[in-house]
Amino acid sequence: MARIQSAVKNIRKNRRRNAINRASRSRLRSQIRKIRELLARKDADGARQALSATLSLLDRSRGKGIIHRNAAARYKSRLTRQVAALGRAR
């Protein structure tokens, strides 16, 4: 166990940030899961609406360092392409 005051404070900060990051990552994964379910159900309107919220959440997560910038770009590209293809298939 840490005894030095700065080390104790760093442990507290790390635990707090870890909880915040875990919640943010969970929220992001839930949003991605939701849009993928809409795509699987071929709900073009719902997927189009969920896409903007998902892209926004991806950008925020990237900015906060929750996910890597290339991973965010990959998610955005694939989801946008799938939603566009679903709109054309109607």
N, C-alpha and C. Protein backbone atom coordinates (compact mmCIF):
# COMPACT_ATOMS: atom_id res chain seq x y z
N MET A 1 0.84 -1.18 0.00
CA MET A 1 0.00 0.00 0.00
C MET A 1 0.88 1.24 0.00
N ALA A 2 0.49 2.22 -0.78
CA ALA A 2 1.26 3.45 -0.88
C ALA A 2 1.18 4.24 0.43
N ARG A 3 2.30 4.85 0.79
CA ARG A 3 2.33 5.66 2.01
C ARG A 3 2.52 7.13 1.69
N ILE A 4 3.17 7.40 0.58
CA ILE A 4 3.45 8.80 0.23
C ILE A 4 2.16 9.44 -0.24
N GLN A 5 1.93 10.66 0.22
CA GLN A 5 0.66 11.33 -0.04
C GLN A 5 0.35 11.47 -1.53
N SER A 6 1.35 11.81 -2.33
CA SER A 6 1.12 11.97 -3.77
C SER A 6 0.77 10.63 -4.41
N ALA A 7 1.37 9.55 -3.94
CA ALA A 7 1.06 8.23 -4.48
C ALA A 7 -0.36 7.81 -4.11
N VAL A 8 -0.77 8.13 -2.89
CA VAL A 8 -2.13 7.82 -2.46
C VAL A 8 -3.14 8.58 -3.31
N LYS A 9 -2.84 9.85 -3.56
CA LYS A 9 -3.73 10.68 -4.38
C LYS A 9 -3.78 10.14 -5.81
N ASN A 10 -2.62 9.73 -6.35
CA ASN A 10 -2.61 9.17 -7.70
C ASN A 10 -3.45 7.91 -7.79
N ILE A 11 -3.41 7.09 -6.78
CA ILE A 11 -4.24 5.88 -6.76
C ILE A 11 -5.72 6.25 -6.80
N ARG A 12 -6.09 7.25 -6.00
CA ARG A 12 -7.50 7.71 -5.99
C ARG A 12 -7.90 8.24 -7.37
N LYS A 13 -7.02 9.05 -7.97
CA LYS A 13 -7.31 9.61 -9.30
C LYS A 13 -7.44 8.51 -10.35
N ASN A 14 -6.53 7.54 -10.29
CA ASN A 14 -6.56 6.46 -11.27
C ASN A 14 -7.83 5.64 -11.16
N ARG A 15 -8.28 5.37 -9.94
CA ARG A 15 -9.53 4.61 -9.76
C ARG A 15 -10.72 5.38 -10.31
N ARG A 16 -10.73 6.69 -10.03
CA ARG A 16 -11.84 7.52 -10.50
C ARG A 16 -11.85 7.57 -12.04
N ARG A 17 -10.68 7.80 -12.65
CA ARG A 17 -10.61 7.86 -14.11
C ARG A 17 -10.96 6.52 -14.74
N ASN A 18 -10.53 5.43 -14.09
CA ASN A 18 -10.82 4.09 -14.59
C ASN A 18 -12.32 3.85 -14.63
N ALA A 19 -13.02 4.29 -13.58
CA ALA A 19 -14.47 4.11 -13.54
C ALA A 19 -15.16 4.95 -14.63
N ILE A 20 -14.67 6.17 -14.83
CA ILE A 20 -15.25 7.04 -15.85
C ILE A 20 -15.00 6.47 -17.24
N ASN A 21 -13.76 6.00 -17.49
CA ASN A 21 -13.42 5.43 -18.79
C ASN A 21 -14.21 4.17 -19.06
N ARG A 22 -14.39 3.35 -18.03
CA ARG A 22 -15.15 2.11 -18.20
C ARG A 22 -16.60 2.41 -18.56
N ALA A 23 -17.18 3.41 -17.91
CA ALA A 23 -18.56 3.79 -18.21
C ALA A 23 -18.67 4.34 -19.63
N SER A 24 -17.70 5.15 -20.03
CA SER A 24 -17.73 5.72 -21.39
C SER A 24 -17.59 4.63 -22.44
N ARG A 25 -16.69 3.68 -22.20
CA ARG A 25 -16.49 2.59 -23.15
C ARG A 25 -17.75 1.72 -23.24
N SER A 26 -18.39 1.52 -22.10
CA SER A 26 -19.62 0.72 -22.09
C SER A 26 -20.73 1.42 -22.86
N ARG A 27 -20.84 2.74 -22.67
CA ARG A 27 -21.86 3.52 -23.38
C ARG A 27 -21.62 3.46 -24.88
N LEU A 28 -20.36 3.56 -25.28
CA LEU A 28 -20.00 3.49 -26.70
C LEU A 28 -20.35 2.12 -27.28
N ARG A 29 -19.98 1.06 -26.58
CA ARG A 29 -20.26 -0.28 -27.08
C ARG A 29 -21.76 -0.54 -27.17
N SER A 30 -22.52 -0.03 -26.21
CA SER A 30 -23.98 -0.19 -26.25
C SER A 30 -24.57 0.52 -27.46
N GLN A 31 -24.07 1.71 -27.75
CA GLN A 31 -24.56 2.48 -28.90
C GLN A 31 -24.23 1.76 -30.21
N ILE A 32 -23.02 1.22 -30.30
CA ILE A 32 -22.63 0.48 -31.51
C ILE A 32 -23.50 -0.77 -31.66
N ARG A 33 -23.75 -1.45 -30.55
CA ARG A 33 -24.61 -2.64 -30.58
C ARG A 33 -26.03 -2.27 -31.05
N LYS A 34 -26.52 -1.12 -30.58
CA LYS A 34 -27.87 -0.69 -30.96
C LYS A 34 -27.98 -0.44 -32.46
N ILE A 35 -26.98 0.26 -33.03
CA ILE A 35 -27.06 0.55 -34.46
C ILE A 35 -26.87 -0.72 -35.28
N ARG A 36 -26.06 -1.66 -34.79
CA ARG A 36 -25.91 -2.93 -35.51
C ARG A 36 -27.19 -3.74 -35.49
N GLU A 37 -27.94 -3.67 -34.39
CA GLU A 37 -29.23 -4.37 -34.33
C GLU A 37 -30.22 -3.75 -35.32
N LEU A 38 -30.20 -2.41 -35.43
CA LEU A 38 -31.07 -1.74 -36.40
C LEU A 38 -30.69 -2.14 -37.83
N LEU A 39 -29.40 -2.25 -38.08
CA LEU A 39 -28.94 -2.66 -39.41
C LEU A 39 -29.37 -4.11 -39.70
N ALA A 40 -29.30 -4.96 -38.69
CA ALA A 40 -29.69 -6.36 -38.88
C ALA A 40 -31.19 -6.48 -39.16
N ARG A 41 -31.97 -5.59 -38.53
CA ARG A 41 -33.43 -5.59 -38.75
C ARG A 41 -33.82 -4.85 -40.01
N LYS A 42 -32.81 -4.26 -40.68
CA LYS A 42 -33.03 -3.49 -41.91
C LYS A 42 -33.96 -2.29 -41.69
N ASP A 43 -33.79 -1.65 -40.54
CA ASP A 43 -34.55 -0.45 -40.21
C ASP A 43 -33.72 0.77 -40.65
N ALA A 44 -33.93 1.20 -41.89
CA ALA A 44 -33.11 2.26 -42.47
C ALA A 44 -33.29 3.59 -41.74
N ASP A 45 -34.52 3.96 -41.43
CA ASP A 45 -34.76 5.25 -40.76
C ASP A 45 -34.16 5.27 -39.36
N GLY A 46 -34.38 4.21 -38.62
CA GLY A 46 -33.82 4.13 -37.27
C GLY A 46 -32.31 4.13 -37.29
N ALA A 47 -31.73 3.41 -38.24
CA ALA A 47 -30.27 3.35 -38.34
C ALA A 47 -29.70 4.71 -38.71
N ARG A 48 -30.37 5.44 -39.60
CA ARG A 48 -29.90 6.76 -40.00
C ARG A 48 -29.92 7.72 -38.81
N GLN A 49 -30.96 7.63 -37.99
CA GLN A 49 -31.04 8.50 -36.81
C GLN A 49 -29.99 8.11 -35.77
N ALA A 50 -29.80 6.81 -35.58
CA ALA A 50 -28.83 6.35 -34.59
C ALA A 50 -27.40 6.62 -35.05
N LEU A 51 -27.19 6.75 -36.35
CA LEU A 51 -25.85 6.95 -36.87
C LEU A 51 -25.24 8.26 -36.38
N SER A 52 -26.01 9.34 -36.39
CA SER A 52 -25.45 10.62 -35.97
C SER A 52 -25.06 10.59 -34.49
N ALA A 53 -25.89 9.95 -33.66
CA ALA A 53 -25.55 9.84 -32.24
C ALA A 53 -24.31 8.97 -32.05
N THR A 54 -24.20 7.93 -32.83
CA THR A 54 -23.06 7.02 -32.72
C THR A 54 -21.77 7.71 -33.16
N LEU A 55 -21.83 8.44 -34.27
CA LEU A 55 -20.64 9.13 -34.75
C LEU A 55 -20.18 10.19 -33.74
N SER A 56 -21.13 10.88 -33.15
CA SER A 56 -20.80 11.88 -32.14
C SER A 56 -20.12 11.23 -30.94
N LEU A 57 -20.66 10.12 -30.49
CA LEU A 57 -20.09 9.41 -29.35
C LEU A 57 -18.70 8.87 -29.68
N LEU A 58 -18.51 8.41 -30.91
CA LEU A 58 -17.19 7.93 -31.33
C LEU A 58 -16.17 9.07 -31.30
N ASP A 59 -16.57 10.24 -31.79
CA ASP A 59 -15.65 11.38 -31.79
C ASP A 59 -15.29 11.81 -30.37
N ARG A 60 -16.28 11.83 -29.49
CA ARG A 60 -16.01 12.19 -28.09
C ARG A 60 -15.08 11.18 -27.44
N SER A 61 -15.34 9.90 -27.70
CA SER A 61 -14.51 8.85 -27.11
C SER A 61 -13.07 8.94 -27.62
N ARG A 62 -12.94 9.24 -28.90
CA ARG A 62 -11.60 9.39 -29.48
C ARG A 62 -10.89 10.57 -28.84
N GLY A 63 -11.59 11.66 -28.67
CA GLY A 63 -10.98 12.86 -28.09
C GLY A 63 -10.54 12.65 -26.65
N LYS A 64 -11.26 11.82 -25.92
CA LYS A 64 -10.92 11.57 -24.52
C LYS A 64 -9.94 10.42 -24.34
N GLY A 65 -9.57 9.79 -25.46
CA GLY A 65 -8.59 8.71 -25.37
C GLY A 65 -9.18 7.38 -24.96
N ILE A 66 -10.50 7.24 -25.07
CA ILE A 66 -11.14 5.97 -24.71
C ILE A 66 -10.80 4.91 -25.75
N ILE A 67 -10.81 5.32 -27.02
CA ILE A 67 -10.41 4.40 -28.09
C ILE A 67 -9.39 5.11 -28.97
N HIS A 68 -8.65 4.34 -29.72
CA HIS A 68 -7.62 4.87 -30.61
C HIS A 68 -8.29 5.58 -31.79
N ARG A 69 -7.61 6.59 -32.32
CA ARG A 69 -8.21 7.37 -33.42
C ARG A 69 -8.46 6.53 -34.66
N ASN A 70 -7.58 5.57 -34.94
CA ASN A 70 -7.80 4.72 -36.11
C ASN A 70 -9.00 3.79 -35.90
N ALA A 71 -9.19 3.34 -34.68
CA ALA A 71 -10.35 2.49 -34.38
C ALA A 71 -11.63 3.29 -34.56
N ALA A 72 -11.63 4.54 -34.11
CA ALA A 72 -12.81 5.39 -34.28
C ALA A 72 -13.10 5.61 -35.76
N ALA A 73 -12.06 5.87 -36.53
CA ALA A 73 -12.23 6.09 -37.97
C ALA A 73 -12.78 4.84 -38.64
N ARG A 74 -12.28 3.68 -38.21
CA ARG A 74 -12.74 2.42 -38.80
C ARG A 74 -14.21 2.18 -38.49
N TYR A 75 -14.60 2.38 -37.23
CA TYR A 75 -16.01 2.22 -36.86
C TYR A 75 -16.90 3.17 -37.67
N LYS A 76 -16.49 4.44 -37.75
CA LYS A 76 -17.28 5.43 -38.47
C LYS A 76 -17.44 5.06 -39.92
N SER A 77 -16.36 4.66 -40.54
CA SER A 77 -16.39 4.31 -41.96
C SER A 77 -17.31 3.12 -42.22
N ARG A 78 -17.15 2.08 -41.45
CA ARG A 78 -17.94 0.87 -41.68
C ARG A 78 -19.42 1.09 -41.40
N LEU A 79 -19.73 1.78 -40.30
CA LEU A 79 -21.13 2.00 -39.96
C LEU A 79 -21.80 2.91 -40.98
N THR A 80 -21.11 3.97 -41.41
CA THR A 80 -21.67 4.88 -42.39
C THR A 80 -21.94 4.16 -43.70
N ARG A 81 -20.98 3.32 -44.10
CA ARG A 81 -21.14 2.57 -45.36
C ARG A 81 -22.32 1.61 -45.27
N GLN A 82 -22.49 0.95 -44.12
CA GLN A 82 -23.59 -0.01 -43.97
C GLN A 82 -24.94 0.69 -43.97
N VAL A 83 -25.02 1.86 -43.31
CA VAL A 83 -26.28 2.60 -43.29
C VAL A 83 -26.61 3.11 -44.69
N ALA A 84 -25.61 3.58 -45.42
CA ALA A 84 -25.85 4.05 -46.79
C ALA A 84 -26.31 2.93 -47.68
N ALA A 85 -25.71 1.74 -47.53
CA ALA A 85 -26.10 0.60 -48.35
C ALA A 85 -27.52 0.17 -48.02
N LEU A 86 -27.88 0.27 -46.77
CA LEU A 86 -29.26 -0.10 -46.37
C LEU A 86 -30.26 0.87 -46.96
N GLY A 87 -29.90 2.15 -47.04
CA GLY A 87 -30.79 3.15 -47.63
C GLY A 87 -30.98 2.93 -49.12
N ARG A 88 -29.91 2.48 -49.80
CA ARG A 88 -30.02 2.23 -51.23
C ARG A 88 -30.81 0.96 -51.54
N ALA A 89 -30.75 0.00 -50.60
CA ALA A 89 -31.40 -1.29 -50.85
C ALA A 89 -32.92 -1.22 -50.75
N ARG A 90 -33.42 -0.14 -50.18
CA ARG A 90 -34.87 0.00 -50.02
C ARG A 90 -35.52 0.03 -51.32
